[in-house]
Amino acid sequence: LDRDTLTSKDWVGYIYATTPIVALTADESAKI
């Protein structure tokens, strides 16, 4: 990945696309 060629929108999209989605349950979410 060449970060220098990415726009900020592309970079944010890359981060979200490659970051694992760790989902809390409703109870876990409410707890914190």
PDB file of all heavy atoms in Angstrom:
ATOM      1  N   LEU A   1       0.838  -1.185   0.000  1.00  0.00           N
ATOM      2  CA  LEU A   1       0.000   0.000   0.000  1.00  0.00           C
ATOM      3  C   LEU A   1       0.880   1.244   0.000  1.00  0.00           C
ATOM      4  O   LEU A   1       1.769   1.389   0.821  1.00  0.00           O
ATOM      5  CB  LEU A   1      -0.890   0.007   1.247  1.00  0.00           C
ATOM      6  CG  LEU A   1      -1.767   1.230   1.438  1.00  0.00           C
ATOM      7  CD1 LEU A   1      -2.832   1.271   0.353  1.00  0.00           C
ATOM      8  CD2 LEU A   1      -2.395   1.214   2.801  1.00  0.00           C
ATOM      9  N   ASP A   2       0.650   2.126  -0.945  1.00  0.00           N
ATOM     10  CA  ASP A   2       1.377   3.386  -1.007  1.00  0.00           C
ATOM     11  C   ASP A   2       0.471   4.483  -0.455  1.00  0.00           C
ATOM     12  O   ASP A   2      -0.375   5.018  -1.160  1.00  0.00           O
ATOM     13  CB  ASP A   2       1.795   3.700  -2.439  1.00  0.00           C
ATOM     14  CG  ASP A   2       2.626   4.968  -2.543  1.00  0.00           C
ATOM     15  OD1 ASP A   2       2.917   5.592  -1.501  1.00  0.00           O
ATOM     16  OD2 ASP A   2       2.984   5.332  -3.673  1.00  0.00           O
ATOM     17  N   ARG A   3       0.640   4.777   0.829  1.00  0.00           N
ATOM     18  CA  ARG A   3      -0.210   5.767   1.490  1.00  0.00           C
ATOM     19  C   ARG A   3      -0.138   7.131   0.837  1.00  0.00           C
ATOM     20  O   ARG A   3      -1.088   7.893   0.875  1.00  0.00           O
ATOM     21  CB  ARG A   3       0.169   5.897   2.966  1.00  0.00           C
ATOM     22  CG  ARG A   3      -0.259   4.722   3.787  1.00  0.00           C
ATOM     23  CD  ARG A   3       0.097   4.875   5.224  1.00  0.00           C
ATOM     24  NE  ARG A   3      -0.187   6.201   5.729  1.00  0.00           N
ATOM     25  CZ  ARG A   3       0.167   6.622   6.928  1.00  0.00           C
ATOM     26  NH1 ARG A   3       0.812   5.838   7.739  1.00  0.00           N
ATOM     27  NH2 ARG A   3      -0.120   7.842   7.321  1.00  0.00           N
ATOM     28  N   ASP A   4       0.985   7.447   0.227  1.00  0.00           N
ATOM     29  CA  ASP A   4       1.151   8.772  -0.373  1.00  0.00           C
ATOM     30  C   ASP A   4       0.228   9.002  -1.568  1.00  0.00           C
ATOM     31  O   ASP A   4      -0.036  10.143  -1.930  1.00  0.00           O
ATOM     32  CB  ASP A   4       2.599   8.988  -0.799  1.00  0.00           C
ATOM     33  CG  ASP A   4       3.546   9.030   0.389  1.00  0.00           C
ATOM     34  OD1 ASP A   4       3.089   9.385   1.507  1.00  0.00           O
ATOM     35  OD2 ASP A   4       4.720   8.699   0.211  1.00  0.00           O
ATOM     36  N   THR A   5      -0.251   7.934  -2.174  1.00  0.00           N
ATOM     37  CA  THR A   5      -1.115   8.094  -3.344  1.00  0.00           C
ATOM     38  C   THR A   5      -2.601   8.060  -2.985  1.00  0.00           C
ATOM     39  O   THR A   5      -3.438   8.282  -3.849  1.00  0.00           O
ATOM     40  CB  THR A   5      -0.837   6.985  -4.388  1.00  0.00           C
ATOM     41  OG1 THR A   5      -1.162   5.712  -3.812  1.00  0.00           O
ATOM     42  CG2 THR A   5       0.613   7.013  -4.822  1.00  0.00           C
ATOM     43  N   LEU A   6      -2.915   7.790  -1.735  1.00  0.00           N
ATOM     44  CA  LEU A   6      -4.317   7.717  -1.320  1.00  0.00           C
ATOM     45  C   LEU A   6      -4.836   9.076  -0.881  1.00  0.00           C
ATOM     46  O   LEU A   6      -4.134   9.830  -0.207  1.00  0.00           O
ATOM     47  CB  LEU A   6      -4.486   6.744  -0.151  1.00  0.00           C
ATOM     48  CG  LEU A   6      -4.206   5.271  -0.420  1.00  0.00           C
ATOM     49  CD1 LEU A   6      -4.370   4.476   0.870  1.00  0.00           C
ATOM     50  CD2 LEU A   6      -5.115   4.718  -1.486  1.00  0.00           C
ATOM     51  N   THR A   7      -6.074   9.376  -1.243  1.00  0.00           N
ATOM     52  CA  THR A   7      -6.730  10.554  -0.691  1.00  0.00           C
ATOM     53  C   THR A   7      -7.123  10.216   0.747  1.00  0.00           C
ATOM     54  O   THR A   7      -7.130   9.044   1.142  1.00  0.00           O
ATOM     55  CB  THR A   7      -7.995  10.912  -1.486  1.00  0.00           C
ATOM     56  OG1 THR A   7      -8.958   9.864  -1.319  1.00  0.00           O
ATOM     57  CG2 THR A   7      -7.688  11.134  -2.957  1.00  0.00           C
ATOM     58  N   SER A   8      -7.480  11.214   1.515  1.00  0.00           N
ATOM     59  CA  SER A   8      -7.870  10.936   2.902  1.00  0.00           C
ATOM     60  C   SER A   8      -9.113  10.052   2.934  1.00  0.00           C
ATOM     61  O   SER A   8      -9.234   9.170   3.782  1.00  0.00           O
ATOM     62  CB  SER A   8      -8.105  12.228   3.676  1.00  0.00           C
ATOM     63  OG  SER A   8      -9.106  13.007   3.068  1.00  0.00           O
ATOM     64  N   LYS A   9     -10.023  10.230   1.981  1.00  0.00           N
ATOM     65  CA  LYS A   9     -11.231   9.391   1.919  1.00  0.00           C
ATOM     66  C   LYS A   9     -10.841   7.939   1.612  1.00  0.00           C
ATOM     67  O   LYS A   9     -11.367   7.012   2.223  1.00  0.00           O
ATOM     68  CB  LYS A   9     -12.191   9.922   0.862  1.00  0.00           C
ATOM     69  CG  LYS A   9     -13.481   9.141   0.785  1.00  0.00           C
ATOM     70  CD  LYS A   9     -14.425   9.733  -0.248  1.00  0.00           C
ATOM     71  CE  LYS A   9     -15.682   8.913  -0.330  1.00  0.00           C
ATOM     72  NZ  LYS A   9     -16.609   9.425  -1.333  1.00  0.00           N
ATOM     73  N   ASP A  10      -9.904   7.744   0.678  1.00  0.00           N
ATOM     74  CA  ASP A  10      -9.442   6.393   0.353  1.00  0.00           C
ATOM     75  C   ASP A  10      -8.769   5.754   1.558  1.00  0.00           C
ATOM     76  O   ASP A  10      -8.947   4.571   1.828  1.00  0.00           O
ATOM     77  CB  ASP A  10      -8.445   6.415  -0.811  1.00  0.00           C
ATOM     78  CG  ASP A  10      -9.089   6.772  -2.132  1.00  0.00           C
ATOM     79  OD1 ASP A  10     -10.310   6.583  -2.280  1.00  0.00           O
ATOM     80  OD2 ASP A  10      -8.346   7.260  -3.014  1.00  0.00           O
ATOM     81  N   TRP A  11      -7.965   6.553   2.276  1.00  0.00           N
ATOM     82  CA  TRP A  11      -7.246   6.025   3.436  1.00  0.00           C
ATOM     83  C   TRP A  11      -8.228   5.572   4.510  1.00  0.00           C
ATOM     84  O   TRP A  11      -8.095   4.488   5.071  1.00  0.00           O
ATOM     85  CB  TRP A  11      -6.276   7.084   3.971  1.00  0.00           C
ATOM     86  CG  TRP A  11      -5.516   6.643   5.170  1.00  0.00           C
ATOM     87  CD1 TRP A  11      -5.567   7.205   6.401  1.00  0.00           C
ATOM     88  CD2 TRP A  11      -4.602   5.548   5.273  1.00  0.00           C
ATOM     89  NE1 TRP A  11      -4.736   6.526   7.258  1.00  0.00           N
ATOM     90  CE2 TRP A  11      -4.139   5.509   6.591  1.00  0.00           C
ATOM     91  CE3 TRP A  11      -4.141   4.595   4.368  1.00  0.00           C
ATOM     92  CZ2 TRP A  11      -3.231   4.563   7.034  1.00  0.00           C
ATOM     93  CZ3 TRP A  11      -3.236   3.649   4.817  1.00  0.00           C
ATOM     94  CH2 TRP A  11      -2.792   3.637   6.125  1.00  0.00           C
ATOM     95  N   VAL A  12      -9.242   6.383   4.804  1.00  0.00           N
ATOM     96  CA  VAL A  12     -10.248   6.014   5.795  1.00  0.00           C
ATOM     97  C   VAL A  12     -10.975   4.751   5.341  1.00  0.00           C
ATOM     98  O   VAL A  12     -11.205   3.833   6.129  1.00  0.00           O
ATOM     99  CB  VAL A  12     -11.239   7.172   6.046  1.00  0.00           C
ATOM    100  CG1 VAL A  12     -12.434   6.717   6.863  1.00  0.00           C
ATOM    101  CG2 VAL A  12     -10.532   8.328   6.738  1.00  0.00           C
ATOM    102  N   GLY A  13     -11.305   4.669   4.072  1.00  0.00           N
ATOM    103  CA  GLY A  13     -11.954   3.470   3.542  1.00  0.00           C
ATOM    104  C   GLY A  13     -11.078   2.245   3.696  1.00  0.00           C
ATOM    105  O   GLY A  13     -11.558   1.161   4.050  1.00  0.00           O
ATOM    106  N   TYR A  14      -9.793   2.399   3.450  1.00  0.00           N
ATOM    107  CA  TYR A  14      -8.849   1.286   3.613  1.00  0.00           C
ATOM    108  C   TYR A  14      -8.798   0.822   5.065  1.00  0.00           C
ATOM    109  O   TYR A  14      -8.847  -0.369   5.355  1.00  0.00           O
ATOM    110  CB  TYR A  14      -7.456   1.699   3.139  1.00  0.00           C
ATOM    111  CG  TYR A  14      -6.402   0.664   3.451  1.00  0.00           C
ATOM    112  CD1 TYR A  14      -6.261  -0.465   2.661  1.00  0.00           C
ATOM    113  CD2 TYR A  14      -5.571   0.815   4.557  1.00  0.00           C
ATOM    114  CE1 TYR A  14      -5.307  -1.427   2.952  1.00  0.00           C
ATOM    115  CE2 TYR A  14      -4.614  -0.143   4.860  1.00  0.00           C
ATOM    116  CZ  TYR A  14      -4.489  -1.257   4.060  1.00  0.00           C
ATOM    117  OH  TYR A  14      -3.553  -2.209   4.358  1.00  0.00           O
ATOM    118  N   ILE A  15      -8.713   1.775   5.978  1.00  0.00           N
ATOM    119  CA  ILE A  15      -8.657   1.434   7.409  1.00  0.00           C
ATOM    120  C   ILE A  15      -9.908   0.660   7.813  1.00  0.00           C
ATOM    121  O   ILE A  15      -9.837  -0.385   8.458  1.00  0.00           O
ATOM    122  CB  ILE A  15      -8.505   2.704   8.279  1.00  0.00           C
ATOM    123  CG1 ILE A  15      -7.164   3.369   8.030  1.00  0.00           C
ATOM    124  CG2 ILE A  15      -8.700   2.394   9.756  1.00  0.00           C
ATOM    125  CD1 ILE A  15      -5.965   2.544   8.416  1.00  0.00           C
ATOM    126  N   TYR A  16     -11.085   1.163   7.433  1.00  0.00           N
ATOM    127  CA  TYR A  16     -12.322   0.478   7.802  1.00  0.00           C
ATOM    128  C   TYR A  16     -12.442  -0.891   7.134  1.00  0.00           C
ATOM    129  O   TYR A  16     -12.966  -1.822   7.725  1.00  0.00           O
ATOM    130  CB  TYR A  16     -13.546   1.341   7.484  1.00  0.00           C
ATOM    131  CG  TYR A  16     -13.778   2.406   8.504  1.00  0.00           C
ATOM    132  CD1 TYR A  16     -13.548   3.746   8.215  1.00  0.00           C
ATOM    133  CD2 TYR A  16     -14.212   2.096   9.786  1.00  0.00           C
ATOM    134  CE1 TYR A  16     -13.746   4.728   9.162  1.00  0.00           C
ATOM    135  CE2 TYR A  16     -14.416   3.072  10.742  1.00  0.00           C
ATOM    136  CZ  TYR A  16     -14.185   4.381  10.428  1.00  0.00           C
ATOM    137  OH  TYR A  16     -14.378   5.355  11.365  1.00  0.00           O
ATOM    138  N   ALA A  17     -11.941  -1.015   5.920  1.00  0.00           N
ATOM    139  CA  ALA A  17     -12.059  -2.283   5.199  1.00  0.00           C
ATOM    140  C   ALA A  17     -11.114  -3.344   5.746  1.00  0.00           C
ATOM    141  O   ALA A  17     -11.368  -4.534   5.608  1.00  0.00           O
ATOM    142  CB  ALA A  17     -11.780  -2.059   3.713  1.00  0.00           C
ATOM    143  N   THR A  18     -10.026  -2.934   6.377  1.00  0.00           N
ATOM    144  CA  THR A  18      -9.034  -3.903   6.840  1.00  0.00           C
ATOM    145  C   THR A  18      -9.009  -4.076   8.357  1.00  0.00           C
ATOM    146  O   THR A  18      -8.262  -4.895   8.864  1.00  0.00           O
ATOM    147  CB  THR A  18      -7.623  -3.493   6.372  1.00  0.00           C
ATOM    148  OG1 THR A  18      -7.331  -2.186   6.863  1.00  0.00           O
ATOM    149  CG2 THR A  18      -7.519  -3.528   4.853  1.00  0.00           C
ATOM    150  N   THR A  19      -9.828  -3.312   9.060  1.00  0.00           N
ATOM    151  CA  THR A  19      -9.887  -3.429  10.517  1.00  0.00           C
ATOM    152  C   THR A  19     -10.921  -4.487  10.888  1.00  0.00           C
ATOM    153  O   THR A  19     -12.054  -4.440  10.413  1.00  0.00           O
ATOM    154  CB  THR A  19     -10.270  -2.075  11.149  1.00  0.00           C
ATOM    155  OG1 THR A  19      -9.306  -1.109  10.741  1.00  0.00           O
ATOM    156  CG2 THR A  19     -10.310  -2.168  12.652  1.00  0.00           C
ATOM    157  N   PRO A  20     -10.555  -5.437  11.728  1.00  0.00           N
ATOM    158  CA  PRO A  20     -11.523  -6.458  12.122  1.00  0.00           C
ATOM    159  C   PRO A  20     -12.717  -5.840  12.843  1.00  0.00           C
ATOM    160  O   PRO A  20     -12.562  -4.868  13.583  1.00  0.00           O
ATOM    161  CB  PRO A  20     -10.745  -7.353  13.098  1.00  0.00           C
ATOM    162  CG  PRO A  20      -9.330  -6.954  12.989  1.00  0.00           C
ATOM    163  CD  PRO A  20      -9.271  -5.610  12.374  1.00  0.00           C
ATOM    164  N   ILE A  21     -13.876  -6.402  12.602  1.00  0.00           N
ATOM    165  CA  ILE A  21     -15.086  -5.930  13.267  1.00  0.00           C
ATOM    166  C   ILE A  21     -15.336  -6.822  14.474  1.00  0.00           C
ATOM    167  O   ILE A  21     -15.693  -7.989  14.333  1.00  0.00           O
ATOM    168  CB  ILE A  21     -16.288  -5.934  12.315  1.00  0.00           C
ATOM    169  CG1 ILE A  21     -16.022  -4.979  11.160  1.00  0.00           C
ATOM    170  CG2 ILE A  21     -17.563  -5.550  13.055  1.00  0.00           C
ATOM    171  CD1 ILE A  21     -17.054  -5.024  10.065  1.00  0.00           C
ATOM    172  N   VAL A  22     -15.104  -6.261  15.632  1.00  0.00           N
ATOM    173  CA  VAL A  22     -15.323  -6.972  16.885  1.00  0.00           C
ATOM    174  C   VAL A  22     -16.642  -6.442  17.435  1.00  0.00           C
ATOM    175  O   VAL A  22     -16.732  -5.291  17.838  1.00  0.00           O
ATOM    176  CB  VAL A  22     -14.166  -6.722  17.874  1.00  0.00           C
ATOM    177  CG1 VAL A  22     -14.437  -7.386  19.202  1.00  0.00           C
ATOM    178  CG2 VAL A  22     -12.849  -7.196  17.274  1.00  0.00           C
ATOM    179  N   ALA A  23     -17.663  -7.291  17.416  1.00  0.00           N
ATOM    180  CA  ALA A  23     -19.002  -6.851  17.787  1.00  0.00           C
ATOM    181  C   ALA A  23     -19.330  -7.221  19.224  1.00  0.00           C
ATOM    182  O   ALA A  23     -19.169  -8.370  19.643  1.00  0.00           O
ATOM    183  CB  ALA A  23     -20.024  -7.476  16.853  1.00  0.00           C
ATOM    184  N   LEU A  24     -19.786  -6.223  19.962  1.00  0.00           N
ATOM    185  CA  LEU A  24     -20.266  -6.454  21.321  1.00  0.00           C
ATOM    186  C   LEU A  24     -21.716  -6.913  21.272  1.00  0.00           C
ATOM    187  O   LEU A  24     -22.457  -6.530  20.370  1.00  0.00           O
ATOM    188  CB  LEU A  24     -20.184  -5.163  22.140  1.00  0.00           C
ATOM    189  CG  LEU A  24     -18.809  -4.550  22.372  1.00  0.00           C
ATOM    190  CD1 LEU A  24     -18.946  -3.223  23.095  1.00  0.00           C
ATOM    191  CD2 LEU A  24     -17.921  -5.487  23.150  1.00  0.00           C
ATOM    192  N   THR A  25     -22.121  -7.697  22.252  1.00  0.00           N
ATOM    193  CA  THR A  25     -23.539  -8.019  22.399  1.00  0.00           C
ATOM    194  C   THR A  25     -24.242  -6.775  22.923  1.00  0.00           C
ATOM    195  O   THR A  25     -23.603  -5.822  23.384  1.00  0.00           O
ATOM    196  CB  THR A  25     -23.749  -9.184  23.383  1.00  0.00           C
ATOM    197  OG1 THR A  25     -23.338  -8.742  24.691  1.00  0.00           O
ATOM    198  CG2 THR A  25     -22.983 -10.426  22.970  1.00  0.00           C
ATOM    199  N   ALA A  26     -25.562  -6.791  22.892  1.00  0.00           N
ATOM    200  CA  ALA A  26     -26.326  -5.650  23.415  1.00  0.00           C
ATOM    201  C   ALA A  26     -26.017  -5.434  24.897  1.00  0.00           C
ATOM    202  O   ALA A  26     -25.859  -4.291  25.344  1.00  0.00           O
ATOM    203  CB  ALA A  26     -27.820  -5.877  23.198  1.00  0.00           C
ATOM    204  N   ASP A  27     -25.920  -6.512  25.660  1.00  0.00           N
ATOM    205  CA  ASP A  27     -25.603  -6.390  27.088  1.00  0.00           C
ATOM    206  C   ASP A  27     -24.203  -5.825  27.308  1.00  0.00           C
ATOM    207  O   ASP A  27     -23.998  -4.977  28.184  1.00  0.00           O
ATOM    208  CB  ASP A  27     -25.722  -7.744  27.792  1.00  0.00           C
ATOM    209  CG  ASP A  27     -27.168  -8.210  27.939  1.00  0.00           C
ATOM    210  OD1 ASP A  27     -28.078  -7.366  27.852  1.00  0.00           O
ATOM    211  OD2 ASP A  27     -27.367  -9.422  28.142  1.00  0.00           O
ATOM    212  N   GLU A  28     -23.235  -6.300  26.511  1.00  0.00           N
ATOM    213  CA  GLU A  28     -21.862  -5.792  26.640  1.00  0.00           C
ATOM    214  C   GLU A  28     -21.810  -4.309  26.295  1.00  0.00           C
ATOM    215  O   GLU A  28     -21.170  -3.521  27.000  1.00  0.00           O
ATOM    216  CB  GLU A  28     -20.916  -6.577  25.731  1.00  0.00           C
ATOM    217  CG  GLU A  28     -20.676  -8.001  26.182  1.00  0.00           C
ATOM    218  CD  GLU A  28     -20.009  -8.858  25.126  1.00  0.00           C
ATOM    219  OE1 GLU A  28     -20.045  -8.506  23.922  1.00  0.00           O
ATOM    220  OE2 GLU A  28     -19.457  -9.900  25.500  1.00  0.00           O
ATOM    221  N   SER A  29     -22.484  -3.942  25.239  1.00  0.00           N
ATOM    222  CA  SER A  29     -22.496  -2.547  24.812  1.00  0.00           C
ATOM    223  C   SER A  29     -23.132  -1.648  25.871  1.00  0.00           C
ATOM    224  O   SER A  29     -22.606  -0.578  26.187  1.00  0.00           O
ATOM    225  CB  SER A  29     -23.242  -2.418  23.494  1.00  0.00           C
ATOM    226  OG  SER A  29     -23.188  -1.101  23.030  1.00  0.00           O
ATOM    227  N   ALA A  30     -24.250  -2.090  26.417  1.00  0.00           N
ATOM    228  CA  ALA A  30     -24.928  -1.305  27.452  1.00  0.00           C
ATOM    229  C   ALA A  30     -24.057  -1.159  28.696  1.00  0.00           C
ATOM    230  O   ALA A  30     -24.059  -0.108  29.346  1.00  0.00           O
ATOM    231  CB  ALA A  30     -26.256  -1.954  27.811  1.00  0.00           C
ATOM    232  N   LYS A  31     -23.313  -2.199  28.988  1.00  0.00           N
ATOM    233  CA  LYS A  31     -22.462  -2.204  30.190  1.00  0.00           C
ATOM    234  C   LYS A  31     -21.411  -1.104  30.151  1.00  0.00           C
ATOM    235  O   LYS A  31     -21.058  -0.541  31.186  1.00  0.00           O
ATOM    236  CB  LYS A  31     -21.794  -3.573  30.331  1.00  0.00           C
ATOM    237  CG  LYS A  31     -20.902  -3.729  31.516  1.00  0.00           C
ATOM    238  CD  LYS A  31     -20.315  -5.129  31.576  1.00  0.00           C
ATOM    239  CE  LYS A  31     -19.349  -5.275  32.729  1.00  0.00           C
ATOM    240  NZ  LYS A  31     -18.699  -6.592  32.745  1.00  0.00           N
ATOM    241  N   ILE A  32     -20.899  -0.775  28.968  1.00  0.00           N
ATOM    242  CA  ILE A  32     -19.800   0.187  28.883  1.00  0.00           C
ATOM    243  C   ILE A  32     -20.140   1.464  28.124  1.00  0.00           C
ATOM    244  O   ILE A  32     -19.270   2.301  27.923  1.00  0.00           O
ATOM    245  CB  ILE A  32     -18.547  -0.459  28.251  1.00  0.00           C
ATOM    246  CG1 ILE A  32     -18.816  -0.861  26.799  1.00  0.00           C
ATOM    247  CG2 ILE A  32     -18.026  -1.587  29.105  1.00  0.00           C
ATOM    248  CD1 ILE A  32     -17.561  -1.213  26.033  1.00  0.00           C
TER     249      ILE A  32
END
